[in-house]
Amino acid sequence: MTKSAGAASAAGSTEQWATTPLSATRGSSPSPAAAATSGSSLVGSSPAGSSPAERVVARLRPHARRLFWPTVALVLVCGATGYFYGNLPEDWQNTGLIVLAAAVVVLLWLLPLASWLNRRYTITTRRIIFRHGFFVRSRQELLHGRGYDVTVRKNWLQAAFRSGDVLVNSGLEHPLVLKDVPSADLVQQVLHELMQESQTVIGSRRQEQSALPDQPPWAGR
C-alpha cells in the first residue's frame, strides 16, 4: 500500500489522501503526502478494548479534466470581448456585448465549475460520504461494515488519465457511484481493504460478546 499511496499523491489537486482524525479535518484540507507516510495500514491502531477513532483516508472530486472545455470557452469569450469591445458603432452595442459575454461566462464556465466543486466524496475508516448538488444539496453515507461490491468502469479517455467511475453496490436498487475519480484502481483497492478491516473488527466483537458467560437473572439486582 505504500507504493499505491505514493501514486495517489501524484494525482493532482482533485484528490487528497490522509489518515487524520475526522474531527480535526473539518475546515482544513489534509496533506496529500500524508498517505505516503501512513505505512501499510490505512486504519490507525487503538488501545485494546476501545473503538478506533474515525479517520479521513481520502477526499475526492471528479477529475479536473472536466474543466478543460469550460476554461477554453472562458478564454475565447474574453478574447472575443476584448477584440470587439469599443469597435462597435453604437454604445448600446458595446454594452450589450459585455452583458452577453457575462451571460456566456456564467453559463459555460461558472456553472460547470460550481457543479464540479459541489460534488465531493469523502472516504473514512468507517464509511463513504457522498455529497453532491448545487441548489438542492444531498448527502449519502455507506458504512464499510455493511459490506458491498466495488466495480471500476472506464472508457478510453478515462483510462488515458487513470480515472474512472467507481460503482459501490451495497444491495440497493442502484449502486452509488464515485463519478470519474482520479486513480480509480487505487480507490477500489482502498475500499476493499477498509471493508475487510471493518468486517474483521465487527467479527472480533461478536466473538468477544458470544464468549462472555451468561449472567443469572439475579446478577443485575
Protein backbone atom coordinates (compact mmCIF):
# COMPACT_ATOMS: atom_id res chain seq x y z
CA MET A 1 0.00 0.00 0.00
CA THR A 2 2.93 2.40 0.42
CA LYS A 3 3.65 2.23 -3.27
CA SER A 4 0.00 2.69 -4.18
CA ALA A 5 -0.43 5.57 -1.78
CA GLY A 6 2.54 7.29 -3.38
CA ALA A 7 0.74 7.10 -6.71
CA ALA A 8 -2.28 8.77 -5.16
CA SER A 9 -0.27 11.81 -4.09
CA ALA A 10 0.69 12.44 -7.74
CA ALA A 11 -2.94 12.50 -8.91
CA GLY A 12 -3.18 16.26 -8.51
CA SER A 13 -5.30 18.66 -6.55
CA THR A 14 -8.52 16.76 -7.28
CA GLU A 15 -7.82 14.14 -4.60
CA GLN A 16 -6.28 14.23 -1.17
CA TRP A 17 -5.18 11.28 0.88
CA ALA A 18 -4.66 11.39 4.63
CA THR A 19 -5.05 9.44 7.84
CA THR A 20 -6.08 12.23 10.18
CA PRO A 21 -8.98 12.23 12.68
CA LEU A 22 -12.30 13.24 11.11
CA SER A 23 -12.94 15.91 13.76
CA ALA A 24 -9.56 17.51 13.10
CA THR A 25 -10.08 17.86 9.32
CA ARG A 26 -13.22 19.95 9.35
CA GLY A 27 -12.40 23.33 7.89
CA SER A 28 -8.94 22.28 6.71
CA SER A 29 -7.51 20.17 3.90
CA PRO A 30 -5.25 17.24 4.75
CA SER A 31 -1.86 16.97 3.12
CA PRO A 32 -1.75 14.69 0.05
CA ALA A 33 1.61 13.37 1.22
CA ALA A 34 0.19 12.03 4.46
CA ALA A 35 -0.81 8.73 2.86
CA ALA A 36 2.76 8.04 1.85
CA THR A 37 3.85 8.13 5.47
CA SER A 38 0.95 6.17 6.89
CA GLY A 39 2.57 2.78 6.40
CA SER A 40 0.93 -0.36 5.09
CA SER A 41 -2.23 0.01 7.18
CA LEU A 42 -4.94 2.56 6.47
CA VAL A 43 -6.60 2.25 9.87
CA GLY A 44 -4.73 3.62 12.86
CA SER A 45 -4.07 1.42 15.84
CA SER A 46 -6.01 1.93 19.08
CA PRO A 47 -5.78 0.63 22.62
CA ALA A 48 -7.29 -2.77 23.27
CA GLY A 49 -10.96 -2.69 24.15
CA SER A 50 -11.63 0.74 22.61
CA SER A 51 -13.06 1.65 19.21
CA PRO A 52 -10.55 3.15 16.76
CA ALA A 53 -11.07 6.84 16.04
CA GLU A 54 -12.64 7.59 12.67
CA ARG A 55 -10.02 8.95 10.30
CA VAL A 56 -10.27 10.55 6.87
CA VAL A 57 -8.49 8.42 4.28
CA ALA A 58 -9.29 10.38 1.10
CA ARG A 59 -11.18 13.41 -0.16
CA LEU A 60 -12.11 13.07 -3.81
CA ARG A 61 -13.72 15.07 -6.60
CA PRO A 62 -14.28 14.20 -10.26
CA HIS A 63 -11.19 14.56 -12.41
CA ALA A 64 -10.28 18.19 -13.18
CA ARG A 65 -10.29 17.23 -16.87
CA ARG A 66 -13.97 18.21 -16.80
CA LEU A 67 -12.97 21.86 -16.57
CA PHE A 68 -10.96 21.83 -19.83
CA TRP A 69 -13.72 22.89 -22.24
CA PRO A 70 -15.27 25.42 -19.83
CA THR A 71 -11.82 27.00 -19.48
CA VAL A 72 -11.39 27.08 -23.27
CA ALA A 73 -14.78 28.76 -23.56
CA LEU A 74 -13.76 31.35 -20.94
CA VAL A 75 -10.58 32.21 -22.82
CA LEU A 76 -12.40 32.52 -26.16
CA VAL A 77 -15.17 34.69 -24.74
CA CYS A 78 -12.69 37.01 -23.01
CA GLY A 79 -10.58 37.27 -26.16
CA ALA A 80 -13.54 37.97 -28.41
CA THR A 81 -14.96 40.55 -25.99
CA GLY A 82 -11.64 42.37 -25.74
CA TYR A 83 -11.29 42.40 -29.53
CA PHE A 84 -14.78 43.69 -30.41
CA TYR A 85 -15.44 45.96 -27.43
CA GLY A 86 -15.03 49.60 -28.45
CA ASN A 87 -15.08 48.77 -32.16
CA LEU A 88 -18.86 48.58 -32.47
CA PRO A 89 -20.53 51.68 -33.92
CA GLU A 90 -23.08 52.20 -31.13
CA ASP A 91 -22.54 52.48 -27.37
CA TRP A 92 -25.52 50.24 -26.64
CA GLN A 93 -23.93 47.57 -28.81
CA ASN A 94 -20.75 47.67 -26.72
CA THR A 95 -22.83 47.46 -23.55
CA GLY A 96 -24.82 44.56 -24.98
CA LEU A 97 -21.57 42.81 -25.86
CA ILE A 98 -20.44 42.98 -22.22
CA VAL A 99 -23.79 41.68 -20.97
CA LEU A 100 -23.79 38.84 -23.49
CA ALA A 101 -20.20 37.90 -22.62
CA ALA A 102 -21.02 37.84 -18.91
CA ALA A 103 -24.03 35.59 -19.52
CA VAL A 104 -21.97 33.19 -21.63
CA VAL A 105 -19.23 33.05 -18.96
CA VAL A 106 -21.79 32.24 -16.26
CA LEU A 107 -23.42 29.55 -18.41
CA LEU A 108 -20.35 27.88 -19.89
CA TRP A 109 -17.74 28.37 -17.15
CA LEU A 110 -19.14 29.37 -13.75
CA LEU A 111 -21.94 26.79 -13.59
CA PRO A 112 -19.70 23.84 -14.61
CA LEU A 113 -17.11 24.99 -12.07
CA ALA A 114 -19.71 25.22 -9.30
CA SER A 115 -21.07 21.78 -10.22
CA TRP A 116 -17.56 20.29 -10.06
CA LEU A 117 -16.80 21.90 -6.71
CA ASN A 118 -20.08 20.72 -5.17
CA ARG A 119 -19.57 17.03 -5.98
CA ARG A 120 -17.35 15.58 -3.25
CA TYR A 121 -16.61 12.14 -1.91
CA THR A 122 -15.03 11.50 1.49
CA ILE A 123 -13.68 8.09 2.45
CA THR A 124 -13.07 7.48 6.14
CA THR A 125 -12.10 4.38 8.06
CA ARG A 126 -15.79 3.72 8.81
CA ARG A 127 -17.82 4.97 5.87
CA ILE A 128 -18.09 6.61 2.45
CA ILE A 129 -19.77 10.02 2.33
CA PHE A 130 -21.31 11.25 -0.93
CA ARG A 131 -22.07 14.98 -1.24
CA HIS A 132 -23.50 16.49 -4.40
CA GLY A 133 -25.97 19.07 -5.63
CA PHE A 134 -25.92 22.81 -6.18
CA PHE A 135 -29.36 24.27 -5.49
CA VAL A 136 -30.50 21.14 -3.63
CA ARG A 137 -27.63 19.50 -1.76
CA SER A 138 -27.70 15.80 -0.97
CA ARG A 139 -25.61 13.71 1.40
CA GLN A 140 -25.43 9.91 1.47
CA GLU A 141 -23.38 7.62 3.69
CA LEU A 142 -22.42 3.98 3.38
CA LEU A 143 -20.76 2.09 6.24
CA HIS A 144 -17.90 -0.27 5.37
CA GLY A 145 -19.27 -2.78 7.88
CA ARG A 146 -22.40 -3.37 5.78
CA GLY A 147 -20.32 -4.92 3.01
CA TYR A 148 -20.51 -4.05 -0.67
CA ASP A 149 -19.11 -4.85 -4.10
CA VAL A 150 -16.77 -2.38 -5.79
CA THR A 151 -16.52 -2.17 -9.58
CA VAL A 152 -14.43 0.20 -11.69
CA ARG A 153 -15.78 1.26 -15.07
CA LYS A 154 -13.62 3.18 -17.57
CA ASN A 155 -13.86 4.44 -21.12
CA TRP A 156 -10.84 5.06 -23.32
CA LEU A 157 -10.47 8.70 -22.21
CA GLN A 158 -10.70 7.82 -18.52
CA ALA A 159 -8.15 5.04 -18.99
CA ALA A 160 -5.73 7.53 -20.54
CA PHE A 161 -5.98 9.74 -17.42
CA ARG A 162 -6.13 6.79 -14.96
CA SER A 163 -9.55 7.88 -13.77
CA GLY A 164 -12.87 6.03 -13.80
CA ASP A 165 -16.30 5.53 -12.30
CA VAL A 166 -16.21 3.54 -9.05
CA LEU A 167 -19.52 1.71 -8.54
CA VAL A 168 -20.29 0.71 -4.96
CA ASN A 169 -23.10 -1.86 -4.88
CA SER A 170 -24.49 -2.48 -1.40
CA GLY A 171 -27.62 -4.33 -2.48
CA LEU A 172 -29.67 -1.22 -3.26
CA GLU A 173 -31.62 -0.86 -6.49
CA HIS A 174 -28.99 1.48 -7.93
CA PRO A 175 -25.31 1.41 -6.94
CA LEU A 176 -23.66 4.50 -5.52
CA VAL A 177 -21.19 5.97 -7.99
CA LEU A 178 -17.99 7.93 -7.43
CA LYS A 179 -18.00 9.55 -10.86
CA ASP A 180 -14.78 9.91 -12.82
CA VAL A 181 -12.48 9.97 -9.77
CA PRO A 182 -8.68 10.05 -10.26
CA SER A 183 -6.72 6.85 -9.52
CA ALA A 184 -9.88 4.74 -9.70
CA ASP A 185 -7.99 1.44 -9.28
CA LEU A 186 -6.35 2.71 -6.10
CA VAL A 187 -9.73 3.84 -4.76
CA GLN A 188 -11.11 0.35 -5.40
CA GLN A 189 -8.18 -1.25 -3.57
CA VAL A 190 -8.55 1.11 -0.59
CA LEU A 191 -12.28 0.42 -0.30
CA HIS A 192 -11.67 -3.33 -0.33
CA GLU A 193 -9.12 -3.04 2.47
CA LEU A 194 -11.33 -0.77 4.57
CA MET A 195 -14.31 -3.08 4.15
CA GLN A 196 -12.26 -6.16 5.15
CA GLU A 197 -10.80 -4.32 8.13
CA SER A 198 -14.24 -3.18 9.29
CA GLN A 199 -15.75 -6.64 8.94
CA THR A 200 -12.81 -8.13 10.84
CA VAL A 201 -13.39 -5.71 13.72
CA ILE A 202 -17.12 -6.49 13.77
CA GLY A 203 -16.43 -10.24 13.72
CA SER A 204 -13.98 -9.93 16.62
CA ARG A 205 -16.52 -8.01 18.70
CA ARG A 206 -19.18 -10.62 18.06
CA GLN A 207 -16.82 -13.40 19.13
CA GLU A 208 -15.98 -11.48 22.32
CA GLN A 209 -19.64 -10.98 23.11
CA SER A 210 -20.51 -14.63 22.47
CA ALA A 211 -17.61 -15.71 24.69
CA LEU A 212 -18.94 -13.77 27.70
CA PRO A 213 -20.68 -16.04 30.25
CA ASP A 214 -24.40 -15.61 30.64
CA GLN A 215 -25.28 -13.82 33.86
CA PRO A 216 -28.04 -15.24 36.08
CA PRO A 217 -31.25 -13.18 36.33
CA TRP A 218 -30.45 -12.05 39.86
CA ALA A 219 -26.98 -10.71 38.94
CA GLY A 220 -28.21 -7.29 37.90
CA ARG A 221 -30.35 -6.71 41.01
